[in-house]
Amino acid sequence: MGVPDEAARGASKEKGTVIAFSPTNNLKEHLNPPISYPKPTPQTILIFTGSGKEGRNVLSVKNCDAVVFIGGSIGTLTEFSLAYHMGKVIGILKNTGGITKKIPEITNEIKKDTGAILVSDTDPKNLVKKIIDVLKQKK
């Protein structure tokens, strides 16, 4: 089970609404092999994009006020690139490995100001508080 699935389960447990973008065309494709994705939680609104993982990533990031990165690999790098380009508030949970440890290097090399705001912390609760503060300041 991956981080996004765990986050969805945690939000569902607290009666939060989860909006998820599936790369498939319908629930049957979403749940059945050859590529199957996690079963949606009870409070999940599942939006079928039919766009594959790459298309799903664009819609997912575009529809967020802020994006949080924890560890990750190539898909996370894709989502980070999209979030940065779209000028999103970007939260990075430090000391989680993966691509997140390279994001400071990557952002130092980017010569384009997109309006993206990066915040980071080692504590998830503090990170979320920082993100909320930035979002309030932006409004």
C-alpha atoms as a PDB file:
ATOM      1  CA  MET A   1       0.000   0.000   0.000  1.00  0.00           C
ATOM      2  CA  GLY A   2       1.443   3.350  -1.006  1.00  0.00           C
ATOM      3  CA  VAL A   3       1.458   6.751   0.648  1.00  0.00           C
ATOM      4  CA  PRO A   4      -1.500   8.119  -1.382  1.00  0.00           C
ATOM      5  CA  ASP A   5      -3.611   5.110  -0.443  1.00  0.00           C
ATOM      6  CA  GLU A   6      -2.678   5.462   3.233  1.00  0.00           C
ATOM      7  CA  ALA A   7      -3.548   9.178   3.113  1.00  0.00           C
ATOM      8  CA  ALA A   8      -6.923   8.395   1.538  1.00  0.00           C
ATOM      9  CA  ARG A   9      -7.647   5.771   4.192  1.00  0.00           C
ATOM     10  CA  GLY A  10      -6.686   8.212   6.956  1.00  0.00           C
ATOM     11  CA  ALA A  11      -8.893  10.957   5.528  1.00  0.00           C
ATOM     12  CA  SER A  12     -11.764   8.501   5.120  1.00  0.00           C
ATOM     13  CA  LYS A  13     -11.339   7.290   8.698  1.00  0.00           C
ATOM     14  CA  GLU A  14     -11.738  10.907   9.861  1.00  0.00           C
ATOM     15  CA  LYS A  15     -14.846  11.262   7.644  1.00  0.00           C
ATOM     16  CA  GLY A  16     -13.034  13.454   5.120  1.00  0.00           C
ATOM     17  CA  THR A  17     -13.921  13.408   1.463  1.00  0.00           C
ATOM     18  CA  VAL A  18     -11.275  12.002  -0.851  1.00  0.00           C
ATOM     19  CA  ILE A  19     -11.208  13.038  -4.495  1.00  0.00           C
ATOM     20  CA  ALA A  20      -9.157  10.651  -6.588  1.00  0.00           C
ATOM     21  CA  PHE A  21      -8.285  10.770 -10.276  1.00  0.00           C
ATOM     22  CA  SER A  22      -8.087   7.303 -11.798  1.00  0.00           C
ATOM     23  CA  PRO A  23      -6.073   6.848 -14.985  1.00  0.00           C
ATOM     24  CA  THR A  24      -8.678   4.327 -16.180  1.00  0.00           C
ATOM     25  CA  ASN A  25     -11.989   4.692 -18.000  1.00  0.00           C
ATOM     26  CA  ASN A  26     -14.215   3.004 -15.405  1.00  0.00           C
ATOM     27  CA  LEU A  27     -14.338   1.114 -12.088  1.00  0.00           C
ATOM     28  CA  LYS A  28     -13.910  -2.289 -13.747  1.00  0.00           C
ATOM     29  CA  GLU A  29     -10.628  -1.176 -15.377  1.00  0.00           C
ATOM     30  CA  HIS A  30      -9.568   0.502 -12.124  1.00  0.00           C
ATOM     31  CA  LEU A  31      -9.943  -2.635  -9.997  1.00  0.00           C
ATOM     32  CA  ASN A  32      -8.993  -5.452 -12.389  1.00  0.00           C
ATOM     33  CA  PRO A  33      -5.643  -6.632 -13.755  1.00  0.00           C
ATOM     34  CA  PRO A  34      -3.482  -6.308 -15.753  1.00  0.00           C
ATOM     35  CA  ILE A  35      -3.102  -2.966 -13.959  1.00  0.00           C
ATOM     36  CA  SER A  36      -5.213  -2.633 -10.849  1.00  0.00           C
ATOM     37  CA  TYR A  37      -5.351   0.294  -8.468  1.00  0.00           C
ATOM     38  CA  PRO A  38      -6.409   0.409  -4.817  1.00  0.00           C
ATOM     39  CA  LYS A  39     -10.094  -0.003  -4.030  1.00  0.00           C
ATOM     40  CA  PRO A  40     -11.600   3.412  -3.237  1.00  0.00           C
ATOM     41  CA  THR A  41     -12.440   4.185   0.381  1.00  0.00           C
ATOM     42  CA  PRO A  42     -16.116   4.773   1.276  1.00  0.00           C
ATOM     43  CA  GLN A  43     -15.775   8.585   1.138  1.00  0.00           C
ATOM     44  CA  THR A  44     -13.926   8.591  -2.183  1.00  0.00           C
ATOM     45  CA  ILE A  45     -15.166  10.463  -5.195  1.00  0.00           C
ATOM     46  CA  LEU A  46     -13.439   8.651  -8.018  1.00  0.00           C
ATOM     47  CA  ILE A  47     -13.020  10.551 -11.279  1.00  0.00           C
ATOM     48  CA  PHE A  48     -12.133   8.394 -14.269  1.00  0.00           C
ATOM     49  CA  THR A  49      -9.850  10.273 -16.656  1.00  0.00           C
ATOM     50  CA  GLY A  50      -9.077   7.575 -19.204  1.00  0.00           C
ATOM     51  CA  SER A  51      -5.790   9.454 -19.661  1.00  0.00           C
ATOM     52  CA  GLY A  52      -3.286   7.015 -18.195  1.00  0.00           C
ATOM     53  CA  LYS A  53      -1.018   7.907 -15.293  1.00  0.00           C
ATOM     54  CA  GLU A  54       0.502  10.950 -16.977  1.00  0.00           C
ATOM     55  CA  GLY A  55      -2.870  12.511 -17.806  1.00  0.00           C
ATOM     56  CA  ARG A  56      -4.159  11.725 -14.354  1.00  0.00           C
ATOM     57  CA  ASN A  57      -1.184  13.524 -12.807  1.00  0.00           C
ATOM     58  CA  VAL A  58      -1.935  16.726 -14.718  1.00  0.00           C
ATOM     59  CA  LEU A  59      -5.572  16.771 -13.593  1.00  0.00           C
ATOM     60  CA  SER A  60      -4.727  15.852 -10.029  1.00  0.00           C
ATOM     61  CA  VAL A  61      -2.108  18.580  -9.579  1.00  0.00           C
ATOM     62  CA  LYS A  62      -4.130  21.186 -11.473  1.00  0.00           C
ATOM     63  CA  ASN A  63      -7.085  20.714  -9.114  1.00  0.00           C
ATOM     64  CA  CYS A  64      -5.075  21.109  -5.891  1.00  0.00           C
ATOM     65  CA  ASP A  65      -4.332  24.252  -3.904  1.00  0.00           C
ATOM     66  CA  ALA A  66      -1.220  22.608  -2.488  1.00  0.00           C
ATOM     67  CA  VAL A  67       0.695  19.392  -3.076  1.00  0.00           C
ATOM     68  CA  VAL A  68       2.628  17.386  -0.481  1.00  0.00           C
ATOM     69  CA  PHE A  69       5.562  15.189  -1.465  1.00  0.00           C
ATOM     70  CA  ILE A  70       6.732  12.241   0.615  1.00  0.00           C
ATOM     71  CA  GLY A  71       9.598  10.129  -0.760  1.00  0.00           C
ATOM     72  CA  GLY A  72       8.673   9.096  -4.263  1.00  0.00           C
ATOM     73  CA  SER A  73      10.175   8.180  -7.596  1.00  0.00           C
ATOM     74  CA  ILE A  74       9.612   9.120 -11.236  1.00  0.00           C
ATOM     75  CA  GLY A  75       5.864   9.723 -10.837  1.00  0.00           C
ATOM     76  CA  THR A  76       6.564  12.019  -7.900  1.00  0.00           C
ATOM     77  CA  LEU A  77       9.137  13.889  -9.962  1.00  0.00           C
ATOM     78  CA  THR A  78       6.528  14.341 -12.695  1.00  0.00           C
ATOM     79  CA  GLU A  79       3.993  15.655 -10.183  1.00  0.00           C
ATOM     80  CA  PHE A  80       6.583  17.976  -8.633  1.00  0.00           C
ATOM     81  CA  SER A  81       7.469  19.386 -12.039  1.00  0.00           C
ATOM     82  CA  LEU A  82       3.801  20.020 -12.785  1.00  0.00           C
ATOM     83  CA  ALA A  83       3.174  21.611  -9.382  1.00  0.00           C
ATOM     84  CA  TYR A  84       6.209  23.862  -9.731  1.00  0.00           C
ATOM     85  CA  HIS A  85       5.270  24.897 -13.259  1.00  0.00           C
ATOM     86  CA  MET A  86       1.683  25.630 -12.145  1.00  0.00           C
ATOM     87  CA  GLY A  87       2.886  27.816  -9.260  1.00  0.00           C
ATOM     88  CA  LYS A  88       1.425  25.648  -6.514  1.00  0.00           C
ATOM     89  CA  VAL A  89       2.216  25.628  -2.817  1.00  0.00           C
ATOM     90  CA  ILE A  90       4.519  22.639  -2.480  1.00  0.00           C
ATOM     91  CA  GLY A  91       5.111  20.829   0.794  1.00  0.00           C
ATOM     92  CA  ILE A  92       8.057  18.501   1.185  1.00  0.00           C
ATOM     93  CA  LEU A  93       8.223  16.065   4.079  1.00  0.00           C
ATOM     94  CA  LYS A  94      11.944  15.865   4.816  1.00  0.00           C
ATOM     95  CA  ASN A  95      13.865  12.690   5.614  1.00  0.00           C
ATOM     96  CA  THR A  96      11.497  10.459   3.650  1.00  0.00           C
ATOM     97  CA  GLY A  97      14.000   9.547   0.944  1.00  0.00           C
ATOM     98  CA  GLY A  98      13.239   9.161  -2.716  1.00  0.00           C
ATOM     99  CA  ILE A  99      12.987  12.138  -4.996  1.00  0.00           C
ATOM    100  CA  THR A 100      12.194  14.525  -2.128  1.00  0.00           C
ATOM    101  CA  LYS A 101      15.838  14.579  -1.096  1.00  0.00           C
ATOM    102  CA  LYS A 102      16.751  15.853  -4.594  1.00  0.00           C
ATOM    103  CA  ILE A 103      14.092  18.593  -4.827  1.00  0.00           C
ATOM    104  CA  PRO A 104      16.302  21.305  -3.254  1.00  0.00           C
ATOM    105  CA  GLU A 105      18.985  20.606  -5.891  1.00  0.00           C
ATOM    106  CA  ILE A 106      16.421  20.633  -8.669  1.00  0.00           C
ATOM    107  CA  THR A 107      14.878  23.932  -7.580  1.00  0.00           C
ATOM    108  CA  ASN A 108      18.329  25.540  -7.349  1.00  0.00           C
ATOM    109  CA  GLU A 109      18.822  24.741 -11.032  1.00  0.00           C
ATOM    110  CA  ILE A 110      15.450  26.085 -12.179  1.00  0.00           C
ATOM    111  CA  LYS A 111      15.812  29.592 -13.552  1.00  0.00           C
ATOM    112  CA  LYS A 112      12.100  30.288 -13.938  1.00  0.00           C
ATOM    113  CA  ASP A 113       9.948  31.986 -11.310  1.00  0.00           C
ATOM    114  CA  THR A 114       6.528  30.369 -11.529  1.00  0.00           C
ATOM    115  CA  GLY A 115       5.170  31.628  -8.231  1.00  0.00           C
ATOM    116  CA  ALA A 116       5.550  28.200  -6.654  1.00  0.00           C
ATOM    117  CA  ILE A 117       6.148  28.326  -2.912  1.00  0.00           C
ATOM    118  CA  LEU A 118       8.102  25.505  -1.287  1.00  0.00           C
ATOM    119  CA  VAL A 119       7.757  24.675   2.389  1.00  0.00           C
ATOM    120  CA  SER A 120       9.333  21.762   4.182  1.00  0.00           C
ATOM    121  CA  ASP A 121       9.467  20.136   7.576  1.00  0.00           C
ATOM    122  CA  THR A 122      10.400  16.825   9.148  1.00  0.00           C
ATOM    123  CA  ASP A 123       7.110  16.658  11.060  1.00  0.00           C
ATOM    124  CA  PRO A 124       3.945  15.986   8.997  1.00  0.00           C
ATOM    125  CA  LYS A 125       1.666  18.012  11.293  1.00  0.00           C
ATOM    126  CA  ASN A 126       3.994  21.021  11.212  1.00  0.00           C
ATOM    127  CA  LEU A 127       4.261  20.729   7.437  1.00  0.00           C
ATOM    128  CA  VAL A 128       0.484  20.818   7.023  1.00  0.00           C
ATOM    129  CA  LYS A 129       0.252  23.829   9.368  1.00  0.00           C
ATOM    130  CA  LYS A 130       2.888  25.658   7.315  1.00  0.00           C
ATOM    131  CA  ILE A 131       1.053  24.885   4.080  1.00  0.00           C
ATOM    132  CA  ILE A 132      -2.247  26.133   5.493  1.00  0.00           C
ATOM    133  CA  ASP A 133      -0.553  29.353   6.667  1.00  0.00           C
ATOM    134  CA  VAL A 134       0.881  29.967   3.192  1.00  0.00           C
ATOM    135  CA  LEU A 135      -2.489  29.289   1.559  1.00  0.00           C
ATOM    136  CA  LYS A 136      -4.175  31.763   3.917  1.00  0.00           C
ATOM    137  CA  GLN A 137      -1.564  34.407   3.081  1.00  0.00           C
ATOM    138  CA  LYS A 138      -2.072  33.854  -0.654  1.00  0.00           C
ATOM    139  CA  LYS A 139      -5.838  34.465  -0.429  1.00  0.00           C
END
